[in-house]
Amino acid sequence: MSSAADPRSGLTTLGFVGLGAMGAPMVRRLLGAGHRVLVHDLNAVAVAAAVSAGAEGRGSPAAVAMEAQVVLVSLPTPDVVRAVALGAGGLAEGGALQVYVDLSTTGAQVAVQVAAGLAARGVVALDAPVSGGVAGAEAGTLSVMAAGDPAAFERVRPVLQAIGSNTVLVGEKVGLGQTLKLVNNLLAATTWAAACEALAMGAKAGLDPELMVGVINKSSGRSFPTERFAAGPVLTRRFDFGFRMELMAKDMRLALQEAEALGLVMPTSRAAQMLYGLAMAGGGGKGDVTKLARVTEGWAEVEIAASRRNEG
């Protein structure tokens, strides 16, 4: 099976709702793969940028789903996902829609609710959250953790492979993709909190931060956060990984809510969550997740910054 074809060009027609930091580069990857892409976002500037890259703008999610049999969404919160999928003017009102693919991180409960709502309209839903950051979206190297109907997954697999080099069906139960993404992000967030404390400790003791991070990243303490958060954005003071603090905090909250529903105690992760709470309380929610280091820098009265000895 294939998704709807544009009679003018024969290219596969896709819908895409949500043109934020992750959605915009994913749309560019889909356009580069030869797809006709119909897009919608509340941000007119984002829509204009996508149109300039070759996409076609539409005035609502419903308008997108009136033409595209396969629609992907990349949205910031569970409430927005529910509204786009099932609300007034939402995807459920589009008569062409057959397969809905949610690339957002919303939690298993919302994935199940949305899938049930769309099933009543004859639409198959896949939850397929992604990991790899903006750089991965730009390069098409994301991990895509899909869950749901295997036939629907096979139908959209070539589409997902345009954005993700590691595209996997993790289970047939809707929501399992969300659970795996939350497990992944909880681990990354907790590891980053511990790294911020450890790096501030080393800097306070007098270690050169650049040397310290370099050694760690060749030793047993290395992790994605030390390699991709500390080694670049923090040492350079650019704080530009490209993922907002409030979104990481949201993912932690969703993960811990799911853990609680499973009857699990997560003391280490809950302790790490406190550090994000302090950063958020200090007004850092809209800032990059790498700015979490500023909390522990403030306590230690140090900066985890690269040496300036080679400047000039």
Protein backbone atom coordinates (compact mmCIF):
# COMPACT_ATOMS: atom_id res chain seq x y z
CA MET A 1 0.00 0.00 0.00
CA SER A 2 1.09 3.61 -0.43
CA SER A 3 -0.22 6.95 0.68
CA ALA A 4 -2.16 9.29 -1.56
CA ALA A 5 -0.51 10.32 -4.82
CA ASP A 6 -0.46 13.80 -6.22
CA PRO A 7 -2.04 13.43 -9.69
CA ARG A 8 0.10 16.28 -10.97
CA SER A 9 3.44 14.71 -10.11
CA GLY A 10 2.95 11.14 -8.94
CA LEU A 11 4.76 11.93 -5.69
CA THR A 12 3.51 10.59 -2.40
CA THR A 13 1.39 13.15 -0.53
CA LEU A 14 1.93 13.47 3.20
CA GLY A 15 0.52 15.75 5.86
CA PHE A 16 2.63 17.26 8.63
CA VAL A 17 1.38 19.31 11.58
CA GLY A 18 3.86 21.05 13.89
CA LEU A 19 6.81 22.98 12.47
CA GLY A 20 8.88 23.61 15.57
CA ALA A 21 12.54 22.90 16.20
CA MET A 22 12.10 19.23 15.31
CA GLY A 23 9.19 19.37 12.88
CA ALA A 24 10.69 21.90 10.48
CA PRO A 25 13.84 19.90 9.68
CA MET A 26 11.83 16.67 9.44
CA VAL A 27 9.63 18.30 6.81
CA ARG A 28 12.73 19.32 4.88
CA ARG A 29 13.93 15.70 4.98
CA LEU A 30 10.58 14.50 3.63
CA LEU A 31 10.66 17.08 0.85
CA GLY A 32 14.20 16.02 0.01
CA ALA A 33 13.00 12.43 -0.28
CA GLY A 34 10.56 13.48 -3.01
CA HIS A 35 7.31 13.73 -1.06
CA ARG A 36 4.61 16.30 -1.54
CA VAL A 37 4.07 17.65 2.00
CA LEU A 38 1.02 19.59 3.20
CA VAL A 39 1.80 21.48 6.41
CA HIS A 40 0.03 23.35 9.18
CA ASP A 41 1.25 25.28 12.20
CA LEU A 42 -0.11 28.19 14.22
CA ASN A 43 3.18 30.00 13.58
CA ALA A 44 2.77 31.69 10.20
CA VAL A 45 6.51 32.33 9.95
CA ALA A 46 7.23 28.62 10.35
CA VAL A 47 4.66 27.78 7.67
CA ALA A 48 6.16 30.36 5.31
CA ALA A 49 9.63 28.85 5.81
CA ALA A 50 8.31 25.36 5.03
CA VAL A 51 6.50 26.64 1.95
CA SER A 52 9.67 28.33 0.74
CA ALA A 53 11.37 24.92 1.02
CA GLY A 54 8.70 23.32 -1.17
CA ALA A 55 5.84 22.39 1.18
CA GLU A 56 2.22 23.50 0.75
CA GLY A 57 0.48 25.32 3.57
CA ARG A 58 -3.01 24.48 4.78
CA GLY A 59 -5.23 26.44 7.16
CA SER A 60 -6.02 23.71 9.70
CA PRO A 61 -5.19 20.12 10.65
CA ALA A 62 -8.55 19.11 9.17
CA ALA A 63 -7.59 20.71 5.84
CA VAL A 64 -4.36 18.71 5.81
CA ALA A 65 -6.24 15.48 6.53
CA MET A 66 -8.78 16.21 3.80
CA GLU A 67 -6.02 15.56 1.23
CA ALA A 68 -3.37 13.36 2.85
CA GLN A 69 -3.93 9.73 3.76
CA VAL A 70 -0.85 9.71 6.00
CA VAL A 71 -0.35 12.58 8.45
CA LEU A 72 2.56 13.01 10.85
CA VAL A 73 2.53 15.37 13.83
CA SER A 74 5.35 16.79 15.94
CA LEU A 75 3.82 18.78 18.80
CA PRO A 76 4.99 20.09 22.18
CA THR A 77 2.48 18.86 24.79
CA PRO A 78 -0.19 16.20 25.36
CA ASP A 79 -2.97 18.79 25.34
CA VAL A 80 -1.89 20.13 21.96
CA VAL A 81 -1.69 16.60 20.55
CA ARG A 82 -5.24 15.84 21.71
CA ALA A 83 -6.56 19.09 20.25
CA VAL A 84 -4.85 18.63 16.88
CA ALA A 85 -5.97 15.02 16.55
CA LEU A 86 -9.49 15.11 18.00
CA GLY A 87 -10.53 18.72 18.58
CA ALA A 88 -12.55 21.11 16.45
CA GLY A 89 -10.85 21.51 13.10
CA GLY A 90 -8.63 18.57 13.97
CA LEU A 91 -7.30 15.69 11.95
CA ALA A 92 -10.27 13.45 12.77
CA GLU A 93 -12.43 15.74 10.61
CA GLY A 94 -10.34 15.07 7.50
CA GLY A 95 -11.96 12.54 5.22
CA ALA A 96 -8.78 11.30 3.51
CA LEU A 97 -6.82 10.39 6.65
CA GLN A 98 -6.02 6.69 7.05
CA VAL A 99 -2.81 6.56 9.12
CA TYR A 100 -1.86 9.01 11.88
CA VAL A 101 1.75 9.05 13.08
CA ASP A 102 2.59 10.92 16.30
CA LEU A 103 6.29 11.83 16.49
CA SER A 104 5.76 13.85 19.69
CA THR A 105 6.53 12.83 23.28
CA THR A 106 3.16 12.73 25.04
CA GLY A 107 3.09 9.60 27.21
CA ALA A 108 1.36 6.27 26.71
CA GLN A 109 -1.99 7.37 28.16
CA VAL A 110 -2.50 10.13 25.61
CA ALA A 111 -1.33 7.86 22.79
CA VAL A 112 -4.00 5.32 23.74
CA GLN A 113 -6.71 7.99 24.08
CA VAL A 114 -5.94 9.53 20.70
CA ALA A 115 -5.73 6.12 19.01
CA ALA A 116 -9.16 5.20 20.36
CA GLY A 117 -10.66 8.49 19.21
CA LEU A 118 -9.23 8.13 15.71
CA ALA A 119 -10.20 4.44 15.48
CA ALA A 120 -13.83 5.53 15.75
CA ARG A 121 -13.22 7.41 12.48
CA GLY A 122 -11.53 4.45 10.81
CA VAL A 123 -8.01 5.86 11.26
CA VAL A 124 -5.09 3.72 12.43
CA ALA A 125 -2.73 5.45 14.87
CA LEU A 126 0.97 4.83 15.44
CA ASP A 127 2.86 6.46 18.27
CA ALA A 128 6.37 6.99 16.96
CA PRO A 129 8.36 9.37 19.16
CA VAL A 130 11.85 10.32 18.01
CA SER A 131 15.20 10.87 19.68
CA GLY A 132 18.38 12.49 18.46
CA GLY A 133 17.76 16.21 18.77
CA VAL A 134 17.66 18.92 16.14
CA ALA A 135 20.97 17.76 14.67
CA GLY A 136 19.52 14.27 14.17
CA ALA A 137 16.40 15.73 12.56
CA GLU A 138 18.52 17.78 10.18
CA ALA A 139 20.70 14.81 9.26
CA GLY A 140 17.90 12.23 9.08
CA THR A 141 19.58 10.10 11.75
CA LEU A 142 16.86 10.10 14.40
CA SER A 143 15.80 7.03 16.33
CA VAL A 144 12.10 6.41 15.65
CA MET A 145 10.38 4.22 18.26
CA ALA A 146 7.09 3.19 16.65
CA ALA A 147 4.28 1.15 18.20
CA GLY A 148 0.97 -0.05 16.86
CA ASP A 149 -0.43 -2.01 13.94
CA PRO A 150 2.41 -3.78 12.05
CA ALA A 151 0.73 -3.33 8.66
CA ALA A 152 0.40 0.41 9.23
CA PHE A 153 4.03 0.55 10.30
CA GLU A 154 5.16 -1.21 7.13
CA ARG A 155 3.11 1.24 5.11
CA VAL A 156 4.84 4.28 6.62
CA ARG A 157 8.28 2.73 7.23
CA PRO A 158 9.81 4.31 4.07
CA VAL A 159 8.51 7.71 5.22
CA LEU A 160 9.95 7.28 8.70
CA GLN A 161 13.26 6.11 7.29
CA ALA A 162 13.60 9.49 5.56
CA ILE A 163 13.85 11.09 9.00
CA GLY A 164 15.32 8.27 11.08
CA SER A 165 18.21 5.94 10.37
CA ASN A 166 17.15 3.80 13.35
CA THR A 167 13.45 3.14 12.75
CA VAL A 168 12.07 0.29 14.85
CA LEU A 169 8.64 -1.20 15.62
CA VAL A 170 8.96 -1.67 19.37
CA GLY A 171 5.59 -3.37 19.88
CA GLU A 172 2.05 -3.77 18.58
CA LYS A 173 0.48 -2.12 21.64
CA VAL A 174 -0.10 1.60 21.10
CA GLY A 175 1.80 3.54 23.76
CA LEU A 176 4.89 1.34 23.94
CA GLY A 177 6.80 3.73 21.71
CA GLN A 178 5.97 6.54 24.12
CA THR A 179 7.11 4.45 27.06
CA LEU A 180 10.45 3.69 25.45
CA LYS A 181 10.97 7.36 24.59
CA LEU A 182 10.18 8.37 28.17
CA VAL A 183 12.59 5.74 29.51
CA ASN A 184 15.26 7.12 27.19
CA ASN A 185 14.66 10.76 28.11
CA LEU A 186 14.40 10.02 31.81
CA LEU A 187 17.81 8.38 31.64
CA ALA A 188 19.29 11.29 29.66
CA ALA A 189 17.77 13.89 31.99
CA THR A 190 18.89 12.14 35.16
CA THR A 191 22.39 11.58 33.80
CA TRP A 192 22.66 15.24 32.82
CA ALA A 193 21.64 16.38 36.30
CA ALA A 194 24.34 14.20 37.85
CA ALA A 195 26.88 15.44 35.30
CA CYS A 196 26.12 19.08 36.15
CA GLU A 197 26.85 18.41 39.82
CA ALA A 198 30.00 16.43 39.09
CA LEU A 199 31.41 18.97 36.64
CA ALA A 200 30.77 21.84 39.04
CA MET A 201 32.55 19.87 41.75
CA GLY A 202 35.60 19.33 39.54
CA ALA A 203 35.73 22.98 38.50
CA LYS A 204 35.40 24.10 42.13
CA ALA A 205 38.36 21.90 43.07
CA GLY A 206 40.48 23.56 40.40
CA LEU A 207 40.30 21.20 37.44
CA ASP A 208 40.35 22.79 34.01
CA PRO A 209 36.78 22.17 32.74
CA GLU A 210 37.83 21.52 29.14
CA LEU A 211 40.45 18.99 30.23
CA MET A 212 38.02 17.41 32.68
CA VAL A 213 35.26 16.93 30.10
CA GLY A 214 37.76 15.59 27.57
CA VAL A 215 39.04 12.95 29.98
CA ILE A 216 35.54 11.96 31.10
CA ASN A 217 34.48 11.48 27.50
CA LYS A 218 37.27 8.94 27.05
CA SER A 219 36.53 7.22 30.36
CA SER A 220 33.77 5.27 32.09
CA GLY A 221 31.86 8.40 33.12
CA ARG A 222 31.05 9.41 29.55
CA SER A 223 27.43 9.68 28.42
CA PHE A 224 25.37 11.39 25.75
CA PRO A 225 25.00 14.47 27.98
CA THR A 226 28.73 14.80 28.66
CA GLU A 227 29.51 14.28 24.97
CA ARG A 228 26.74 16.42 23.46
CA PHE A 229 25.71 18.85 26.22
CA ALA A 230 28.91 19.54 28.14
CA ALA A 231 31.59 19.18 25.46
CA GLY A 232 29.96 21.66 23.10
CA PRO A 233 27.15 23.91 24.37
CA VAL A 234 28.35 24.33 27.97
CA LEU A 235 32.12 24.62 27.49
CA THR A 236 31.61 27.17 24.72
CA ARG A 237 28.89 28.98 26.74
CA ARG A 238 26.61 28.87 23.67
CA PHE A 239 24.00 26.71 25.45
CA ASP A 240 22.60 25.78 22.06
CA PHE A 241 21.86 22.05 21.95
CA GLY A 242 18.37 22.92 20.71
CA PHE A 243 16.00 21.33 23.26
CA ARG A 244 14.10 23.52 25.71
CA MET A 245 14.41 22.96 29.44
CA GLU A 246 10.63 22.96 29.86
CA LEU A 247 10.29 20.08 27.39
CA MET A 248 12.85 17.96 29.22
CA ALA A 249 11.05 18.73 32.49
CA LYS A 250 7.77 17.74 30.82
CA ASP A 251 9.25 14.44 29.66
CA MET A 252 10.53 13.70 33.17
CA ARG A 253 7.11 14.44 34.62
CA LEU A 254 5.37 12.14 32.13
CA ALA A 255 7.90 9.37 32.74
CA LEU A 256 7.53 9.55 36.51
CA GLN A 257 3.74 9.62 36.23
CA GLU A 258 3.87 6.44 34.16
CA ALA A 259 6.28 4.85 36.66
CA GLU A 260 3.89 5.70 39.49
CA ALA A 261 1.01 4.14 37.56
CA LEU A 262 3.11 0.98 37.27
CA GLY A 263 3.67 0.98 41.04
CA LEU A 264 7.38 1.81 40.80
CA VAL A 265 9.53 3.92 43.10
CA MET A 266 12.11 6.07 41.26
CA PRO A 267 14.16 7.85 43.94
CA THR A 268 17.18 8.72 41.79
CA SER A 269 15.12 10.20 38.97
CA ARG A 270 12.92 12.13 41.40
CA ALA A 271 16.01 13.65 43.00
CA ALA A 272 17.22 14.74 39.56
CA GLN A 273 13.80 16.20 38.82
CA MET A 274 14.33 18.64 41.68
CA LEU A 275 17.28 20.21 39.87
CA TYR A 276 15.13 20.85 36.80
CA GLY A 277 12.48 22.31 39.07
CA LEU A 278 15.00 24.78 40.48
CA ALA A 279 16.08 25.78 36.99
CA MET A 280 12.46 26.26 35.95
CA ALA A 281 11.67 28.27 39.07
CA GLY A 282 14.57 30.56 38.17
CA GLY A 283 12.97 31.38 34.83
CA GLY A 284 14.95 28.90 32.76
CA GLY A 285 12.04 27.01 31.21
CA LYS A 286 12.32 28.58 27.76
CA GLY A 287 16.09 28.24 27.75
CA ASP A 288 18.17 25.38 26.40
CA VAL A 289 18.38 22.21 28.51
CA THR A 290 22.16 22.68 28.71
CA LYS A 291 21.57 25.73 30.91
CA LEU A 292 20.86 23.31 33.75
CA ALA A 293 24.61 23.56 34.38
CA ARG A 294 24.12 27.15 35.50
CA VAL A 295 22.26 25.96 38.60
CA THR A 296 25.19 23.95 39.91
CA GLU A 297 27.66 26.58 38.69
CA GLY A 298 25.82 29.09 40.85
CA TRP A 299 26.11 26.90 43.92
CA ALA A 300 29.82 26.30 43.33
CA GLU A 301 30.54 29.86 42.15
CA VAL A 302 32.41 28.56 39.11
CA GLU A 303 31.93 28.32 35.34
CA ILE A 304 32.23 25.06 33.43
CA ALA A 305 33.89 26.90 30.54
CA ALA A 306 36.59 26.10 28.03
CA SER A 307 40.01 27.60 28.62
CA ARG A 308 40.67 30.84 26.79
CA ARG A 309 44.39 30.22 26.58
CA ASN A 310 44.17 29.49 22.83
CA GLU A 311 42.07 32.52 21.90
CA GLY A 312 43.53 34.95 19.38
